């Protein structure tokens, strides 16, 4: 599931910044006063997630009318000024979007009232991208991250796509480029979504090639 991205994004607060803007009428078809407490608590918990310092998080425009209430955050590996807005289309290594869809009445297809929709795109080096098991490994990263962070979920599904692009003629950029895209969704149990955001950020770190936390590594892309 995708949504229409806005070129104008909110400032990117850090995970420890509790002063982020609360959900507003943009998240609700009827205005802020109608926001359910369960939805508001879930949104607050998304911004309370503990992320590694290389990853920034900020509010972005949610999708239009896929559910009665929605909220979206963008995450990016921070290779630039932390005060810069988070892009919805990456010119760098890795970025992701995590969208909360909320329906006060349980959706039959979701088997719950809260559905999280995730998208990740990352540049890869040719050695990694050529691995035929890369999609399987990336999907395993998502499953393990959700389990290891303690996120409670059901109905997980999605796709992982590995692509190669070759540039010809007078066009900028490297002659060959490799990317991985992950699209996934799952039903969240409870209103604490911080572990879900943390799991999502771990997958983003994996596909971006970040070293384990506390370890200084050499950029696999040799920039």
Protein backbone atom coordinates (compact mmCIF):
# COMPACT_ATOMS: atom_id res chain seq x y z
CA UNK A 1 0.00 0.00 0.00
CA UNK A 2 1.38 3.41 -0.91
CA UNK A 3 0.37 7.01 -0.33
CA UNK A 4 0.84 10.40 -1.91
CA UNK A 5 3.98 11.99 -0.53
CA UNK A 6 4.21 15.64 0.36
CA UNK A 7 7.34 17.58 -0.61
CA UNK A 8 6.95 19.59 2.60
CA UNK A 9 7.74 17.64 5.74
CA UNK A 10 7.64 18.60 9.38
CA UNK A 11 10.88 19.25 11.21
CA UNK A 12 12.51 16.00 12.24
CA UNK A 13 12.49 15.62 16.02
CA UNK A 14 14.79 13.10 17.60
CA UNK A 15 13.41 10.02 19.32
CA UNK A 16 14.05 11.61 22.70
CA UNK A 17 12.20 14.82 21.79
CA UNK A 18 8.82 14.66 23.51
CA UNK A 19 7.75 18.06 22.13
CA UNK A 20 6.68 16.73 18.74
CA UNK A 21 3.43 18.02 17.35
CA UNK A 22 0.44 15.98 18.50
CA UNK A 23 -1.92 14.53 15.89
CA UNK A 24 -4.08 17.21 14.32
CA UNK A 25 -6.98 17.49 11.91
CA UNK A 26 -4.72 16.31 9.08
CA UNK A 27 -4.87 12.88 10.69
CA UNK A 28 -8.63 12.90 11.15
CA UNK A 29 -11.47 13.59 8.73
CA UNK A 30 -13.43 15.33 11.50
CA UNK A 31 -10.82 17.35 13.38
CA UNK A 32 -8.58 17.07 16.42
CA UNK A 33 -11.42 17.02 18.97
CA UNK A 34 -12.65 13.75 17.45
CA UNK A 35 -9.34 11.91 17.78
CA UNK A 36 -9.88 8.71 19.78
CA UNK A 37 -7.73 8.31 22.89
CA UNK A 38 -6.48 4.94 21.66
CA UNK A 39 -5.24 6.49 18.41
CA UNK A 40 -3.63 9.45 20.18
CA UNK A 41 -1.81 7.13 22.60
CA UNK A 42 -0.53 5.04 19.69
CA UNK A 43 0.78 8.13 17.88
CA UNK A 44 2.53 9.39 21.01
CA UNK A 45 4.21 6.02 21.48
CA UNK A 46 5.55 6.05 17.92
CA UNK A 47 7.50 9.23 18.72
CA UNK A 48 8.74 7.77 22.01
CA UNK A 49 10.68 4.98 20.28
CA UNK A 50 14.37 4.71 21.14
CA UNK A 51 16.46 4.92 17.98
CA UNK A 52 20.17 4.69 17.36
CA UNK A 53 21.77 8.15 16.84
CA UNK A 54 22.39 7.66 13.11
CA UNK A 55 18.64 7.46 12.42
CA UNK A 56 16.32 10.46 12.47
CA UNK A 57 12.54 10.39 12.73
CA UNK A 58 9.92 12.98 11.84
CA UNK A 59 6.24 13.34 11.06
CA UNK A 60 5.22 13.22 7.40
CA UNK A 61 1.86 13.55 5.68
CA UNK A 62 -0.29 10.43 6.12
CA UNK A 63 -2.12 8.74 3.25
CA UNK A 64 -5.48 10.06 2.15
CA UNK A 65 -8.53 8.21 3.47
CA UNK A 66 -7.31 4.61 3.65
CA UNK A 67 -8.75 4.46 7.18
CA UNK A 68 -10.76 6.76 9.47
CA UNK A 69 -7.54 7.90 11.18
CA UNK A 70 -3.91 7.75 10.09
CA UNK A 71 -0.47 9.01 11.06
CA UNK A 72 2.89 8.62 9.33
CA UNK A 73 6.53 8.98 10.27
CA UNK A 74 9.61 9.08 8.07
CA UNK A 75 12.96 7.63 9.12
CA UNK A 76 16.32 8.15 7.47
CA UNK A 77 19.93 7.25 8.05
CA UNK A 78 21.40 10.62 9.01
CA UNK A 79 24.20 11.41 6.56
CA UNK A 80 23.39 15.12 6.51
CA UNK A 81 22.45 18.02 8.76
CA UNK A 82 20.11 16.75 11.48
CA UNK A 83 17.98 19.91 11.14
CA UNK A 84 17.22 19.20 7.48
CA UNK A 85 13.79 17.76 6.61
CA UNK A 86 13.49 14.04 5.99
CA UNK A 87 12.96 13.38 2.26
CA UNK A 88 10.25 11.08 0.96
CA UNK A 89 12.43 10.23 -2.04
CA UNK A 90 16.00 9.37 -1.18
CA UNK A 91 19.08 10.82 -2.81
CA UNK A 92 21.19 9.01 -0.25
CA UNK A 93 21.52 5.60 1.27
CA UNK A 94 18.33 4.54 3.02
CA UNK A 95 14.98 5.90 4.09
CA UNK A 96 11.67 4.51 5.22
CA UNK A 97 8.05 5.35 6.00
CA UNK A 98 5.88 3.78 8.67
CA UNK A 99 2.17 4.52 8.49
CA UNK A 100 -0.38 3.87 11.22
CA UNK A 101 -3.92 3.16 10.02
CA UNK A 102 -6.58 3.15 12.74
CA UNK A 103 -10.21 2.11 12.59
CA UNK A 104 -12.23 2.32 15.84
CA UNK A 105 -14.18 -0.72 14.73
CA UNK A 106 -12.12 -3.84 14.14
CA UNK A 107 -11.33 -4.34 10.46
CA UNK A 108 -12.08 -7.90 9.37
CA UNK A 109 -9.12 -8.05 6.99
CA UNK A 110 -6.74 -6.72 9.66
CA UNK A 111 -8.19 -8.75 12.54
CA UNK A 112 -7.63 -5.68 14.67
CA UNK A 113 -8.08 -1.91 14.78
CA UNK A 114 -4.48 -0.84 14.08
CA UNK A 115 -2.53 -1.65 10.94
CA UNK A 116 1.05 -0.59 10.30
CA UNK A 117 2.22 -0.16 6.71
CA UNK A 118 5.98 -0.03 6.14
CA UNK A 119 8.14 0.97 3.19
CA UNK A 120 11.95 0.94 3.01
CA UNK A 121 14.24 1.83 0.12
CA UNK A 122 18.02 1.53 0.30
CA UNK A 123 21.03 1.64 -1.99
CA UNK A 124 23.16 -1.50 -1.97
CA UNK A 125 26.62 -2.33 -3.23
CA UNK A 126 26.90 -4.86 -6.04
CA UNK A 127 28.35 -7.60 -3.84
CA UNK A 128 25.31 -7.55 -1.57
CA UNK A 129 22.73 -6.91 -4.29
CA UNK A 130 23.91 -9.89 -6.35
CA UNK A 131 23.08 -12.31 -3.54
CA UNK A 132 20.00 -14.25 -4.73
CA UNK A 133 18.93 -14.73 -1.12
CA UNK A 134 18.91 -10.99 -0.34
CA UNK A 135 15.09 -10.69 -0.34
CA UNK A 136 14.80 -13.70 1.97
CA UNK A 137 17.42 -12.29 4.32
CA UNK A 138 15.77 -8.85 4.39
CA UNK A 139 12.40 -10.40 5.22
CA UNK A 140 14.04 -12.40 8.00
CA UNK A 141 15.48 -9.14 9.37
CA UNK A 142 11.97 -7.74 9.69
CA UNK A 143 10.61 -10.84 11.42
CA UNK A 144 13.54 -11.05 13.83
CA UNK A 145 13.47 -7.33 14.61
CA UNK A 146 9.77 -7.41 15.47
CA UNK A 147 10.29 -10.45 17.68
CA UNK A 148 13.47 -9.19 19.35
CA UNK A 149 12.00 -5.80 20.27
CA UNK A 150 8.94 -7.39 21.82
CA UNK A 151 6.47 -5.97 19.31
CA UNK A 152 3.14 -7.81 19.42
CA UNK A 153 1.71 -8.34 15.95
CA UNK A 154 -0.32 -10.60 13.66
CA UNK A 155 -1.10 -10.87 9.95
CA UNK A 156 2.36 -9.90 8.71
CA UNK A 157 2.80 -9.84 4.94
CA UNK A 158 4.75 -8.03 2.27
CA UNK A 159 7.26 -8.07 -0.56
CA UNK A 160 10.99 -7.47 -0.98
CA UNK A 161 12.36 -6.36 -4.35
CA UNK A 162 16.00 -6.12 -5.42
CA UNK A 163 16.70 -4.05 -8.54
CA UNK A 164 19.66 -3.06 -10.71
CA UNK A 165 19.84 0.08 -12.86
CA UNK A 166 22.34 0.76 -15.65
CA UNK A 167 22.87 4.35 -16.85
CA UNK A 168 23.68 5.11 -20.50
CA UNK A 169 24.62 8.27 -22.32
CA UNK A 170 24.77 11.74 -20.82
CA UNK A 171 23.21 11.12 -17.42
CA UNK A 172 24.64 11.75 -13.99
CA UNK A 173 25.22 9.15 -11.35
CA UNK A 174 27.14 5.89 -11.12
CA UNK A 175 27.11 3.61 -14.19
CA UNK A 176 25.35 0.92 -12.19
CA UNK A 177 23.14 1.26 -9.13
CA UNK A 178 21.47 -1.35 -6.96
CA UNK A 179 18.52 -0.91 -4.63
CA UNK A 180 16.34 -2.94 -2.34
CA UNK A 181 12.72 -2.09 -1.57
CA UNK A 182 10.60 -3.59 1.17
CA UNK A 183 6.84 -3.18 1.48
CA UNK A 184 5.18 -4.78 4.48
CA UNK A 185 2.16 -4.46 6.72
CA UNK A 186 1.03 -6.04 9.95
CA UNK A 187 -1.65 -5.67 12.62
CA UNK A 188 -0.43 -4.24 15.92
CA UNK A 189 -1.84 -5.34 19.27
CA UNK A 190 -2.20 -2.67 21.95
CA UNK A 191 -1.50 1.05 21.81
CA UNK A 192 2.24 1.01 22.53
CA UNK A 193 3.82 1.11 19.08
CA UNK A 194 7.30 2.17 20.21
CA UNK A 195 8.66 -1.35 19.77
CA UNK A 196 7.24 -1.52 16.25
CA UNK A 197 9.07 1.71 15.32
CA UNK A 198 12.25 0.42 16.91
CA UNK A 199 12.01 -2.83 14.94
CA UNK A 200 11.42 -0.88 11.73
CA UNK A 201 14.48 1.29 12.43
CA UNK A 202 16.60 -1.83 12.97
CA UNK A 203 15.68 -3.12 9.53
CA UNK A 204 16.54 0.29 8.09
CA UNK A 205 19.94 0.11 9.79
CA UNK A 206 20.55 -3.38 8.41
CA UNK A 207 19.76 -2.49 4.80
CA UNK A 208 21.79 0.72 5.08
CA UNK A 209 24.83 -1.32 6.10
CA UNK A 210 25.31 0.38 9.46
CA UNK A 211 27.71 -1.43 11.80
CA UNK A 212 26.37 -2.83 15.08
CA UNK A 213 25.72 -0.14 17.67
CA UNK A 214 28.91 0.91 19.41
CA UNK A 215 31.12 -0.32 16.56
CA UNK A 216 32.76 2.03 14.08
CA UNK A 217 32.64 0.53 10.60
CA UNK A 218 33.82 1.40 7.13
CA UNK A 219 31.08 2.51 4.76
CA UNK A 220 30.41 -0.40 2.42
CA UNK A 221 29.91 2.07 -0.42
CA UNK A 222 33.37 3.65 0.06
CA UNK A 223 32.12 7.21 -0.01
